[in-house]
Protein backbone atom coordinates (compact mmCIF):
# COMPACT_ATOMS: atom_id res chain seq x y z
CA GLY A 1 54.72 77.09 199.44
CA LYS A 2 54.85 76.58 203.15
CA THR A 3 54.53 78.97 206.06
CA LEU A 4 57.35 78.82 208.56
CA ILE A 5 57.32 80.31 212.02
CA HIS A 6 61.05 80.48 212.63
CA PRO A 7 64.09 80.87 210.33
CA ASN A 8 65.64 77.76 211.90
CA GLN A 9 62.96 75.74 210.09
CA LEU A 10 64.27 76.70 206.64
CA SER A 11 67.01 74.09 206.35
CA ALA A 12 64.78 71.20 207.37
CA THR A 13 61.97 72.39 205.11
CA ASN A 14 64.32 72.76 202.15
CA GLU A 15 65.75 69.31 202.78
CA ILE A 16 62.27 67.76 202.80
CA PHE A 17 60.88 69.60 199.78
CA ALA A 18 64.00 69.88 197.63
CA PRO A 19 64.06 67.74 194.49
CA SER A 20 66.26 64.65 194.73
CA LYS A 21 69.43 64.30 192.67
CA GLU A 22 67.62 61.78 190.50
CA GLU A 23 64.72 64.19 189.87
CA ILE A 24 67.15 66.96 188.96
CA GLU A 25 69.06 64.71 186.57
CA TYR A 26 65.85 63.52 184.91
CA ALA A 27 64.60 67.11 184.52
CA ARG A 28 67.88 68.03 182.84
CA ARG A 29 67.58 65.05 180.50
CA VAL A 30 64.00 66.08 179.62
CA LEU A 31 65.16 69.59 178.73
CA ASP A 32 68.18 68.33 176.78
CA CYS A 33 66.00 65.90 174.82
CA TRP A 34 63.40 68.57 174.11
CA GLU A 35 66.04 71.04 172.95
CA ALA A 36 67.69 68.47 170.69
CA VAL A 37 64.43 67.47 169.03
CA SER A 38 62.89 70.93 168.76
CA SER A 39 66.03 72.52 167.32
CA ASN A 40 66.67 69.81 164.72
CA SER A 41 66.34 71.65 161.42
CA ASP A 42 66.36 68.41 159.41
CA GLU A 43 62.87 67.42 160.54
CA GLN A 44 59.62 69.25 161.20
CA PHE A 45 59.05 69.45 164.97
CA THR A 46 55.74 67.86 165.93
CA GLY A 47 55.67 69.04 169.56
CA VAL A 48 56.60 65.60 170.87
CA ALA A 49 59.94 64.11 171.89
CA VAL A 50 60.77 60.62 173.13
CA LEU A 51 63.08 60.01 176.08
CA ASN A 52 63.79 56.42 177.12
CA GLY A 53 60.60 55.31 175.38
CA LEU A 54 58.44 57.93 177.13
CA MET A 55 56.62 60.67 175.28
CA ILE A 56 57.71 64.18 176.28
CA GLU A 57 55.42 67.14 175.60
CA GLU A 58 55.46 70.81 176.53
CA LEU A 59 53.79 70.13 179.90
CA HIS A 60 56.66 67.83 180.87
CA VAL A 61 59.17 70.44 179.78
CA GLU A 62 57.44 73.11 181.88
CA SER A 63 57.42 70.79 184.91
CA ALA A 64 61.12 70.09 184.43
CA ARG A 65 61.88 73.82 184.24
CA LYS A 66 59.93 74.53 187.43
CA LEU A 67 61.67 71.68 189.26
CA LEU A 68 65.09 73.02 188.25
CA GLU A 69 64.11 76.56 189.26
CA ARG A 70 63.09 75.27 192.70
CA ALA A 71 66.31 73.27 193.03
CA ASN A 72 68.38 76.33 192.04
CA ALA A 73 66.54 78.58 194.50
CA ILE A 74 67.16 76.14 197.35
CA ALA A 75 70.82 75.72 196.37
CA SER A 76 71.26 79.50 196.25
CA PHE A 77 69.75 79.86 199.71
CA GLU A 78 71.92 77.11 201.16
CA SER A 79 75.12 78.56 199.69
CA SER A 80 74.49 82.02 201.17
C-alpha cells in the first residue's frame, strides 16, 4: 500500500500501480488453467498445471487471485 496526502493523488496512483491488461489476461488464464486441471475427474490432480509450457502451482494461483482482486478494487473505485 501507499500513503497519499490528497484525494487528487488517487487516480495517478491507481494508474501507476494497477495491473496492465496483459497481466490481468494472464492471471485469468492461470486461474482458468488451474480450474480445468484441478477439476478434471478423469485424472488424479497432482497440484501442478502447465500453461504455455510453464509450470503452475498453488503459489501462482494465489498471486493471480490477488492481482485480479487489486484490479477489481481499482476498477470499482474508478467507476464510482
